[in-house]
Structure formats: C-alpha cells, structure tokens
Amino acid sequence: MENKELELQKIRKDLKEMIARDLALEDIKPEEIGDDEILFGEGLGLDSLDAVEIVVLLQRNFGLEIKNMDQGKEIFYSINTIANFIYDNKDKVKTP
C-alpha cells in the first residue's frame, strides 16, 4: 500500500509539472494545482483544446491512450483521477 501511495505521489507531481509547463499556464505553478481540484471549467479553467493536449501528454509520457472521450471526461476530472488512471493502467503501457 505504501508503494502505491509513493508511486501515485510521483505521478501527481509529474502531471502537475507537465500540465503547468505544456499547457502554458502562465500564472500557475505546479504546486498550486490541488490534487482534487477540478481541471476544467470553473476549476483550473482548462478547455477542450487542453484536453486534447493532455491526451497527447499521456501518450507521449506514459504510453497510454484514451480512445473514449466519455471515459476521458471522468479521467480528466482532477489530478487524482488522472494519476489513478495512469497507475491502474501502467501494465497496458504501449512503448513507442
């Protein structure tokens, strides 16, 4: 259990850094993004173009694909939901 939490902690940190850097969130530092903060709409304020970019980030950095955008809405709810998706699917990673 402790290993899982350490791994999730690293995934969350990596995700926050990628999102802040690659989505050009100019006024937001990675550490300011809450683990359970809603990423889209009234939360962090991401939009559909950002969602596409996150899909690309997951493919590029974690080797994971999201084909069903309804599933994507659930996965992209917060940093925690994305981190859990990555952790739960790490055995399905496609290496480039």
PDB file of N, CA and C in Angstrom:
ATOM      1  N   MET A   1       0.832  -1.206   0.000  1.00  0.00           N
ATOM      2  CA  MET A   1       0.000   0.000   0.000  1.00  0.00           C
ATOM      3  C   MET A   1       0.867   1.256   0.000  1.00  0.00           C
ATOM      4  N   GLU A   2       1.943   1.210   0.788  1.00  0.00           N
ATOM      5  CA  GLU A   2       2.828   2.377   0.875  1.00  0.00           C
ATOM      6  C   GLU A   2       3.494   2.661  -0.467  1.00  0.00           C
ATOM      7  N   ASN A   3       3.886   1.587  -1.178  1.00  0.00           N
ATOM      8  CA  ASN A   3       4.487   1.754  -2.506  1.00  0.00           C
ATOM      9  C   ASN A   3       3.530   2.412  -3.477  1.00  0.00           C
ATOM     10  N   LYS A   4       2.263   1.996  -3.423  1.00  0.00           N
ATOM     11  CA  LYS A   4       1.255   2.566  -4.318  1.00  0.00           C
ATOM     12  C   LYS A   4       1.149   4.069  -4.066  1.00  0.00           C
ATOM     13  N   GLU A   5       1.080   4.477  -2.810  1.00  0.00           N
ATOM     14  CA  GLU A   5       0.926   5.896  -2.495  1.00  0.00           C
ATOM     15  C   GLU A   5       2.159   6.685  -2.935  1.00  0.00           C
ATOM     16  N   LEU A   6       3.346   6.124  -2.753  1.00  0.00           N
ATOM     17  CA  LEU A   6       4.572   6.803  -3.209  1.00  0.00           C
ATOM     18  C   LEU A   6       4.571   6.957  -4.726  1.00  0.00           C
ATOM     19  N   GLU A   7       4.143   5.918  -5.406  1.00  0.00           N
ATOM     20  CA  GLU A   7       4.093   5.961  -6.868  1.00  0.00           C
ATOM     21  C   GLU A   7       3.054   6.984  -7.349  1.00  0.00           C
ATOM     22  N   LEU A   8       1.880   6.987  -6.713  1.00  0.00           N
ATOM     23  CA  LEU A   8       0.843   7.956  -7.063  1.00  0.00           C
ATOM     24  C   LEU A   8       1.316   9.381  -6.790  1.00  0.00           C
ATOM     25  N   GLN A   9       2.044   9.568  -5.705  1.00  0.00           N
ATOM     26  CA  GLN A   9       2.580  10.892  -5.367  1.00  0.00           C
ATOM     27  C   GLN A   9       3.514  11.392  -6.472  1.00  0.00           C
ATOM     28  N   LYS A  10       4.380  10.514  -6.970  1.00  0.00           N
ATOM     29  CA  LYS A  10       5.292  10.891  -8.054  1.00  0.00           C
ATOM     30  C   LYS A  10       4.518  11.188  -9.337  1.00  0.00           C
ATOM     31  N   ILE A  11       3.525  10.358  -9.653  1.00  0.00           N
ATOM     32  CA  ILE A  11       2.709  10.584 -10.860  1.00  0.00           C
ATOM     33  C   ILE A  11       2.004  11.937 -10.762  1.00  0.00           C
ATOM     34  N   ARG A  12       1.408  12.236  -9.597  1.00  0.00           N
ATOM     35  CA  ARG A  12       0.713  13.525  -9.417  1.00  0.00           C
ATOM     36  C   ARG A  12       1.675  14.690  -9.624  1.00  0.00           C
ATOM     37  N   LYS A  13       2.866  14.589  -9.043  1.00  0.00           N
ATOM     38  CA  LYS A  13       3.878  15.653  -9.188  1.00  0.00           C
ATOM     39  C   LYS A  13       4.244  15.828 -10.661  1.00  0.00           C
ATOM     40  N   ASP A  14       4.514  14.723 -11.357  1.00  0.00           N
ATOM     41  CA  ASP A  14       4.866  14.780 -12.780  1.00  0.00           C
ATOM     42  C   ASP A  14       3.735  15.391 -13.610  1.00  0.00           C
ATOM     43  N   LEU A  15       2.505  14.991 -13.316  1.00  0.00           N
ATOM     44  CA  LEU A  15       1.353  15.518 -14.053  1.00  0.00           C
ATOM     45  C   LEU A  15       1.229  17.032 -13.883  1.00  0.00           C
ATOM     46  N   LYS A  16       1.363  17.486 -12.645  1.00  0.00           N
ATOM     47  CA  LYS A  16       1.236  18.927 -12.377  1.00  0.00           C
ATOM     48  C   LYS A  16       2.318  19.702 -13.128  1.00  0.00           C
ATOM     49  N   GLU A  17       3.541  19.178 -13.126  1.00  0.00           N
ATOM     50  CA  GLU A  17       4.629  19.852 -13.845  1.00  0.00           C
ATOM     51  C   GLU A  17       4.359  19.883 -15.342  1.00  0.00           C
ATOM     52  N   MET A  18       3.887  18.758 -15.901  1.00  0.00           N
ATOM     53  CA  MET A  18       3.595  18.698 -17.334  1.00  0.00           C
ATOM     54  C   MET A  18       2.463  19.653 -17.711  1.00  0.00           C
ATOM     55  N   ILE A  19       1.411  19.646 -16.919  1.00  0.00           N
ATOM     56  CA  ILE A  19       0.258  20.491 -17.230  1.00  0.00           C
ATOM     57  C   ILE A  19       0.643  21.964 -17.147  1.00  0.00           C
ATOM     58  N   ALA A  20       1.335  22.348 -16.087  1.00  0.00           N
ATOM     59  CA  ALA A  20       1.731  23.753 -15.943  1.00  0.00           C
ATOM     60  C   ALA A  20       2.664  24.181 -17.073  1.00  0.00           C
ATOM     61  N   ARG A  21       3.589  23.315 -17.449  1.00  0.00           N
ATOM     62  CA  ARG A  21       4.578  23.648 -18.484  1.00  0.00           C
ATOM     63  C   ARG A  21       3.986  23.542 -19.891  1.00  0.00           C
ATOM     64  N   ASP A  22       3.396  22.416 -20.209  1.00  0.00           N
ATOM     65  CA  ASP A  22       2.986  22.141 -21.588  1.00  0.00           C
ATOM     66  C   ASP A  22       1.681  22.817 -21.988  1.00  0.00           C
ATOM     67  N   LEU A  23       0.859  23.179 -21.009  1.00  0.00           N
ATOM     68  CA  LEU A  23      -0.372  23.892 -21.334  1.00  0.00           C
ATOM     69  C   LEU A  23      -0.182  25.400 -21.157  1.00  0.00           C
ATOM     70  N   ALA A  24       1.048  25.801 -20.882  1.00  0.00           N
ATOM     71  CA  ALA A  24       1.407  27.222 -20.758  1.00  0.00           C
ATOM     72  C   ALA A  24       0.488  27.960 -19.785  1.00  0.00           C
ATOM     73  N   LEU A  25       0.334  27.381 -18.603  1.00  0.00           N
ATOM     74  CA  LEU A  25      -0.457  28.045 -17.558  1.00  0.00           C
ATOM     75  C   LEU A  25       0.455  29.075 -16.886  1.00  0.00           C
ATOM     76  N   GLU A  26       0.446  30.270 -17.423  1.00  0.00           N
ATOM     77  CA  GLU A  26       1.436  31.284 -17.067  1.00  0.00           C
ATOM     78  C   GLU A  26       1.426  31.685 -15.601  1.00  0.00           C
ATOM     79  N   ASP A  27       0.261  31.795 -14.998  1.00  0.00           N
ATOM     80  CA  ASP A  27       0.189  32.295 -13.630  1.00  0.00           C
ATOM     81  C   ASP A  27       0.089  31.186 -12.591  1.00  0.00           C
ATOM     82  N   ILE A  28       0.231  29.947 -13.019  1.00  0.00           N
ATOM     83  CA  ILE A  28       0.034  28.827 -12.097  1.00  0.00           C
ATOM     84  C   ILE A  28       1.303  27.987 -12.010  1.00  0.00           C
ATOM     85  N   LYS A  29       1.745  27.788 -10.783  1.00  0.00           N
ATOM     86  CA  LYS A  29       2.897  26.909 -10.525  1.00  0.00           C
ATOM     87  C   LYS A  29       2.358  25.502 -10.262  1.00  0.00           C
ATOM     88  N   PRO A  30       3.140  24.479 -10.610  1.00  0.00           N
ATOM     89  CA  PRO A  30       2.668  23.104 -10.407  1.00  0.00           C
ATOM     90  C   PRO A  30       2.163  22.843  -8.991  1.00  0.00           C
ATOM     91  N   GLU A  31       2.878  23.356  -7.993  1.00  0.00           N
ATOM     92  CA  GLU A  31       2.497  23.094  -6.601  1.00  0.00           C
ATOM     93  C   GLU A  31       1.199  23.803  -6.186  1.00  0.00           C
ATOM     94  N   GLU A  32       0.720  24.712  -7.022  1.00  0.00           N
ATOM     95  CA  GLU A  32      -0.537  25.406  -6.727  1.00  0.00           C
ATOM     96  C   GLU A  32      -1.764  24.640  -7.224  1.00  0.00           C
ATOM     97  N   ILE A  33      -1.529  23.591  -8.001  1.00  0.00           N
ATOM     98  CA  ILE A  33      -2.644  22.784  -8.522  1.00  0.00           C
ATOM     99  C   ILE A  33      -2.992  21.734  -7.474  1.00  0.00           C
ATOM    100  N   GLY A  34      -4.230  21.780  -7.002  1.00  0.00           N
ATOM    101  CA  GLY A  34      -4.669  20.818  -5.982  1.00  0.00           C
ATOM    102  C   GLY A  34      -4.908  19.443  -6.580  1.00  0.00           C
ATOM    103  N   ASP A  35      -4.637  18.406  -5.796  1.00  0.00           N
ATOM    104  CA  ASP A  35      -4.824  17.030  -6.270  1.00  0.00           C
ATOM    105  C   ASP A  35      -6.265  16.753  -6.674  1.00  0.00           C
ATOM    106  N   ASP A  36      -7.227  17.346  -5.959  1.00  0.00           N
ATOM    107  CA  ASP A  36      -8.639  17.110  -6.234  1.00  0.00           C
ATOM    108  C   ASP A  36      -9.310  18.291  -6.923  1.00  0.00           C
ATOM    109  N   GLU A  37      -8.527  19.293  -7.306  1.00  0.00           N
ATOM    110  CA  GLU A  37      -9.090  20.464  -7.976  1.00  0.00           C
ATOM    111  C   GLU A  37      -9.661  20.067  -9.337  1.00  0.00           C
ATOM    112  N   ILE A  38     -10.866  20.546  -9.628  1.00  0.00           N
ATOM    113  CA  ILE A  38     -11.479  20.280 -10.923  1.00  0.00           C
ATOM    114  C   ILE A  38     -10.630  20.976 -11.986  1.00  0.00           C
ATOM    115  N   LEU A  39     -10.251  20.256 -13.025  1.00  0.00           N
ATOM    116  CA  LEU A  39      -9.336  20.803 -14.023  1.00  0.00           C
ATOM    117  C   LEU A  39     -10.029  21.666 -15.070  1.00  0.00           C
ATOM    118  N   PHE A  40     -11.274  21.333 -15.400  1.00  0.00           N
ATOM    119  CA  PHE A  40     -11.959  22.044 -16.495  1.00  0.00           C
ATOM    120  C   PHE A  40     -13.049  22.956 -15.955  1.00  0.00           C
ATOM    121  N   GLY A  41     -13.416  23.936 -16.775  1.00  0.00           N
ATOM    122  CA  GLY A  41     -14.492  24.849 -16.396  1.00  0.00           C
ATOM    123  C   GLY A  41     -14.094  25.745 -15.237  1.00  0.00           C
ATOM    124  N   GLU A  42     -14.934  25.769 -14.214  1.00  0.00           N
ATOM    125  CA  GLU A  42     -14.735  26.687 -13.100  1.00  0.00           C
ATOM    126  C   GLU A  42     -13.544  26.336 -12.231  1.00  0.00           C
ATOM    127  N   GLY A  43     -13.021  25.139 -12.340  1.00  0.00           N
ATOM    128  CA  GLY A  43     -11.868  24.745 -11.540  1.00  0.00           C
ATOM    129  C   GLY A  43     -10.626  25.463 -12.019  1.00  0.00           C
ATOM    130  N   LEU A  44      -9.712  24.724 -12.601  1.00  0.00           N
ATOM    131  CA  LEU A  44      -8.458  25.281 -13.113  1.00  0.00           C
ATOM    132  C   LEU A  44      -8.691  26.086 -14.387  1.00  0.00           C
ATOM    133  N   GLY A  45      -9.813  25.844 -15.050  1.00  0.00           N
ATOM    134  CA  GLY A  45     -10.177  26.632 -16.223  1.00  0.00           C
ATOM    135  C   GLY A  45      -9.679  26.083 -17.546  1.00  0.00           C
ATOM    136  N   LEU A  46      -9.321  24.795 -17.576  1.00  0.00           N
ATOM    137  CA  LEU A  46      -8.874  24.203 -18.831  1.00  0.00           C
ATOM    138  C   LEU A  46     -10.064  24.049 -19.783  1.00  0.00           C
ATOM    139  N   ASP A  47      -9.753  23.963 -21.093  1.00  0.00           N
ATOM    140  CA  ASP A  47     -10.815  23.820 -22.094  1.00  0.00           C
ATOM    141  C   ASP A  47     -10.575  22.587 -22.963  1.00  0.00           C
ATOM    142  N   SER A  48     -11.377  22.429 -24.019  1.00  0.00           N
ATOM    143  CA  SER A  48     -11.293  21.228 -24.844  1.00  0.00           C
ATOM    144  C   SER A  48      -9.949  21.088 -25.562  1.00  0.00           C
ATOM    145  N   LEU A  49      -9.337  22.200 -25.928  1.00  0.00           N
ATOM    146  CA  LEU A  49      -8.002  22.122 -26.544  1.00  0.00           C
ATOM    147  C   LEU A  49      -6.982  21.600 -25.543  1.00  0.00           C
ATOM    148  N   ASP A  50      -7.130  22.008 -24.293  1.00  0.00           N
ATOM    149  CA  ASP A  50      -6.248  21.496 -23.242  1.00  0.00           C
ATOM    150  C   ASP A  50      -6.451  19.996 -23.060  1.00  0.00           C
ATOM    151  N   ALA A  51      -7.698  19.538 -23.185  1.00  0.00           N
ATOM    152  CA  ALA A  51      -7.978  18.101 -23.054  1.00  0.00           C
ATOM    153  C   ALA A  51      -7.236  17.310 -24.124  1.00  0.00           C
ATOM    154  N   VAL A  52      -7.242  17.831 -25.348  1.00  0.00           N
ATOM    155  CA  VAL A  52      -6.510  17.171 -26.439  1.00  0.00           C
ATOM    156  C   VAL A  52      -5.021  17.122 -26.110  1.00  0.00           C
ATOM    157  N   GLU A  53      -4.500  18.209 -25.589  1.00  0.00           N
ATOM    158  CA  GLU A  53      -3.078  18.266 -25.221  1.00  0.00           C
ATOM    159  C   GLU A  53      -2.763  17.265 -24.108  1.00  0.00           C
ATOM    160  N   ILE A  54      -3.675  17.106 -23.153  1.00  0.00           N
ATOM    161  CA  ILE A  54      -3.454  16.130 -22.077  1.00  0.00           C
ATOM    162  C   ILE A  54      -3.443  14.714 -22.639  1.00  0.00           C
ATOM    163  N   VAL A  55      -4.318  14.429 -23.609  1.00  0.00           N
ATOM    164  CA  VAL A  55      -4.314  13.120 -24.267  1.00  0.00           C
ATOM    165  C   VAL A  55      -2.938  12.858 -24.881  1.00  0.00           C
ATOM    166  N   VAL A  56      -2.387  13.866 -25.567  1.00  0.00           N
ATOM    167  CA  VAL A  56      -1.062  13.748 -26.185  1.00  0.00           C
ATOM    168  C   VAL A  56       0.011  13.538 -25.107  1.00  0.00           C
ATOM    169  N   LEU A  57      -0.084  14.281 -24.009  1.00  0.00           N
ATOM    170  CA  LEU A  57       0.885  14.135 -22.913  1.00  0.00           C
ATOM    171  C   LEU A  57       0.858  12.721 -22.330  1.00  0.00           C
ATOM    172  N   LEU A  58      -0.337  12.175 -22.166  1.00  0.00           N
ATOM    173  CA  LEU A  58      -0.442  10.816 -21.621  1.00  0.00           C
ATOM    174  C   LEU A  58       0.161   9.794 -22.579  1.00  0.00           C
ATOM    175  N   GLN A  59      -0.040  10.012 -23.881  1.00  0.00           N
ATOM    176  CA  GLN A  59       0.547   9.099 -24.875  1.00  0.00           C
ATOM    177  C   GLN A  59       2.068   9.228 -24.862  1.00  0.00           C
ATOM    178  N   ARG A  60       2.547  10.464 -24.905  1.00  0.00           N
ATOM    179  CA  ARG A  60       3.976  10.715 -25.018  1.00  0.00           C
ATOM    180  C   ARG A  60       4.740  10.319 -23.755  1.00  0.00           C
ATOM    181  N   ASN A  61       4.203  10.654 -22.591  1.00  0.00           N
ATOM    182  CA  ASN A  61       4.941  10.472 -21.347  1.00  0.00           C
ATOM    183  C   ASN A  61       4.645   9.172 -20.609  1.00  0.00           C
ATOM    184  N   PHE A  62       3.464   8.606 -20.841  1.00  0.00           N
ATOM    185  CA  PHE A  62       3.083   7.407 -20.099  1.00  0.00           C
ATOM    186  C   PHE A  62       2.710   6.240 -21.012  1.00  0.00           C
ATOM    187  N   GLY A  63       2.665   6.465 -22.326  1.00  0.00           N
ATOM    188  CA  GLY A  63       2.342   5.399 -23.263  1.00  0.00           C
ATOM    189  C   GLY A  63       0.897   4.930 -23.186  1.00  0.00           C
ATOM    190  N   LEU A  64       0.012   5.788 -22.686  1.00  0.00           N
ATOM    191  CA  LEU A  64      -1.387   5.414 -22.536  1.00  0.00           C
ATOM    192  C   LEU A  64      -2.261   6.151 -23.539  1.00  0.00           C
ATOM    193  N   GLU A  65      -3.275   5.460 -24.027  1.00  0.00           N
ATOM    194  CA  GLU A  65      -4.209   6.067 -24.966  1.00  0.00           C
ATOM    195  C   GLU A  65      -5.596   6.114 -24.348  1.00  0.00           C
ATOM    196  N   ILE A  66      -6.315   7.184 -24.648  1.00  0.00           N
ATOM    197  CA  ILE A  66      -7.713   7.297 -24.254  1.00  0.00           C
ATOM    198  C   ILE A  66      -8.501   7.440 -25.547  1.00  0.00           C
ATOM    199  N   LYS A  67      -9.262   6.402 -25.862  1.00  0.00           N
ATOM    200  CA  LYS A  67      -9.995   6.408 -27.123  1.00  0.00           C
ATOM    201  C   LYS A  67     -11.426   6.896 -26.937  1.00  0.00           C
ATOM    202  N   ASN A  68     -11.987   6.672 -25.767  1.00  0.00           N
ATOM    203  CA  ASN A  68     -13.374   7.017 -25.489  1.00  0.00           C
ATOM    204  C   ASN A  68     -13.409   8.352 -24.730  1.00  0.00           C
ATOM    205  N   MET A  69     -13.900   9.418 -25.367  1.00  0.00           N
ATOM    206  CA  MET A  69     -13.868  10.731 -24.718  1.00  0.00           C
ATOM    207  C   MET A  69     -14.850  10.827 -23.557  1.00  0.00           C
ATOM    208  N   ASP A  70     -15.889   9.970 -23.503  1.00  0.00           N
ATOM    209  CA  ASP A  70     -16.749   9.946 -22.317  1.00  0.00           C
ATOM    210  C   ASP A  70     -15.933   9.459 -21.125  1.00  0.00           C
ATOM    211  N   GLN A  71     -15.121   8.450 -21.365  1.00  0.00           N
ATOM    212  CA  GLN A  71     -14.215   7.964 -20.326  1.00  0.00           C
ATOM    213  C   GLN A  71     -13.206   9.061 -19.991  1.00  0.00           C
ATOM    214  N   GLY A  72     -12.767   9.790 -20.998  1.00  0.00           N
ATOM    215  CA  GLY A  72     -11.813  10.876 -20.796  1.00  0.00           C
ATOM    216  C   GLY A  72     -12.332  11.930 -19.845  1.00  0.00           C
ATOM    217  N   LYS A  73     -13.627  12.245 -19.926  1.00  0.00           N
ATOM    218  CA  LYS A  73     -14.214  13.244 -19.029  1.00  0.00           C
ATOM    219  C   LYS A  73     -14.073  12.823 -17.581  1.00  0.00           C
ATOM    220  N   GLU A  74     -14.273  11.547 -17.302  1.00  0.00           N
ATOM    221  CA  GLU A  74     -14.116  11.037 -15.939  1.00  0.00           C
ATOM    222  C   GLU A  74     -12.639  11.046 -15.531  1.00  0.00           C
ATOM    223  N   ILE A  75     -11.788  10.594 -16.434  1.00  0.00           N
ATOM    224  CA  ILE A  75     -10.358  10.513 -16.133  1.00  0.00           C
ATOM    225  C   ILE A  75      -9.769  11.897 -15.901  1.00  0.00           C
ATOM    226  N   PHE A  76     -10.177  12.876 -16.711  1.00  0.00           N
ATOM    227  CA  PHE A  76      -9.588  14.214 -16.649  1.00  0.00           C
ATOM    228  C   PHE A  76     -10.227  15.124 -15.621  1.00  0.00           C
ATOM    229  N   TYR A  77     -11.004  14.576 -14.705  1.00  0.00           N
ATOM    230  CA  TYR A  77     -11.690  15.391 -13.702  1.00  0.00           C
ATOM    231  C   TYR A  77     -10.703  16.153 -12.810  1.00  0.00           C
ATOM    232  N   SER A  78      -9.661  15.461 -12.357  1.00  0.00           N
ATOM    233  CA  SER A  78      -8.681  16.079 -11.446  1.00  0.00           C
ATOM    234  C   SER A  78      -7.325  15.389 -11.613  1.00  0.00           C
ATOM    235  N   ILE A  79      -6.324  15.952 -10.967  1.00  0.00           N
ATOM    236  CA  ILE A  79      -5.001  15.321 -10.967  1.00  0.00           C
ATOM    237  C   ILE A  79      -5.101  13.913 -10.392  1.00  0.00           C
ATOM    238  N   ASN A  80      -5.855  13.748  -9.315  1.00  0.00           N
ATOM    239  CA  ASN A  80      -6.002  12.426  -8.699  1.00  0.00           C
ATOM    240  C   ASN A  80      -6.621  11.409  -9.648  1.00  0.00           C
ATOM    241  N   THR A  81      -7.656  11.811 -10.400  1.00  0.00           N
ATOM    242  CA  THR A  81      -8.301  10.848 -11.297  1.00  0.00           C
ATOM    243  C   THR A  81      -7.371  10.463 -12.446  1.00  0.00           C
ATOM    244  N   ILE A  82      -6.575  11.406 -12.931  1.00  0.00           N
ATOM    245  CA  ILE A  82      -5.606  11.079 -13.996  1.00  0.00           C
ATOM    246  C   ILE A  82      -4.512  10.171 -13.429  1.00  0.00           C
ATOM    247  N   ALA A  83      -4.004  10.507 -12.248  1.00  0.00           N
ATOM    248  CA  ALA A  83      -2.935   9.707 -11.622  1.00  0.00           C
ATOM    249  C   ALA A  83      -3.415   8.276 -11.376  1.00  0.00           C
ATOM    250  N   ASN A  84      -4.642   8.124 -10.894  1.00  0.00           N
ATOM    251  CA  ASN A  84      -5.175   6.783 -10.652  1.00  0.00           C
ATOM    252  C   ASN A  84      -5.329   6.008 -11.949  1.00  0.00           C
ATOM    253  N   PHE A  85      -5.756   6.688 -13.027  1.00  0.00           N
ATOM    254  CA  PHE A  85      -5.858   6.041 -14.332  1.00  0.00           C
ATOM    255  C   PHE A  85      -4.485   5.551 -14.789  1.00  0.00           C
ATOM    256  N   ILE A  86      -3.479   6.397 -14.654  1.00  0.00           N
ATOM    257  CA  ILE A  86      -2.120   6.016 -15.066  1.00  0.00           C
ATOM    258  C   ILE A  86      -1.651   4.821 -14.239  1.00  0.00           C
ATOM    259  N   TYR A  87      -1.830   4.902 -12.928  1.00  0.00           N
ATOM    260  CA  TYR A  87      -1.388   3.820 -12.047  1.00  0.00           C
ATOM    261  C   TYR A  87      -2.109   2.508 -12.382  1.00  0.00           C
ATOM    262  N   ASP A  88      -3.437   2.586 -12.551  1.00  0.00           N
ATOM    263  CA  ASP A  88      -4.237   1.380 -12.811  1.00  0.00           C
ATOM    264  C   ASP A  88      -3.961   0.765 -14.178  1.00  0.00           C
ATOM    265  N   ASN A  89      -3.425   1.559 -15.106  1.00  0.00           N
ATOM    266  CA  ASN A  89      -3.201   1.071 -16.471  1.00  0.00           C
ATOM    267  C   ASN A  89      -1.731   0.941 -16.835  1.00  0.00           C
ATOM    268  N   LYS A  90      -0.848   1.045 -15.846  1.00  0.00           N
ATOM    269  CA  LYS A  90       0.582   1.027 -16.181  1.00  0.00           C
ATOM    270  C   LYS A  90       1.028  -0.289 -16.807  1.00  0.00           C
ATOM    271  N   ASP A  91       0.252  -1.368 -16.582  1.00  0.00           N
ATOM    272  CA  ASP A  91       0.601  -2.636 -17.210  1.00  0.00           C
ATOM    273  C   ASP A  91       0.146  -2.699 -18.679  1.00  0.00           C
ATOM    274  N   LYS A  92      -0.623  -1.685 -19.126  1.00  0.00           N
ATOM    275  CA  LYS A  92      -1.096  -1.646 -20.506  1.00  0.00           C
ATOM    276  C   LYS A  92      -0.295  -0.653 -21.343  1.00  0.00           C
ATOM    277  N   VAL A  93       0.778  -0.162 -20.795  1.00  0.00           N
ATOM    278  CA  VAL A  93       1.561   0.879 -21.463  1.00  0.00           C
ATOM    279  C   VAL A  93       2.089   0.368 -22.799  1.00  0.00           C
ATOM    280  N   LYS A  94       1.907   1.208 -23.806  1.00  0.00           N
ATOM    281  CA  LYS A  94       2.449   0.907 -25.134  1.00  0.00           C
ATOM    282  C   LYS A  94       3.760   1.677 -25.275  1.00  0.00           C
ATOM    283  N   THR A  95       4.837   0.953 -25.451  1.00  0.00           N
ATOM    284  CA  THR A  95       6.111   1.644 -25.618  1.00  0.00           C
ATOM    285  C   THR A  95       6.257   2.124 -27.044  1.00  0.00           C
ATOM    286  N   PRO A  96       6.709   3.370 -27.207  1.00  0.00           N
ATOM    287  CA  PRO A  96       6.818   3.953 -28.560  1.00  0.00           C
ATOM    288  C   PRO A  96       7.865   3.254 -29.410  1.00  0.00           C
TER     289      PRO A  96
END
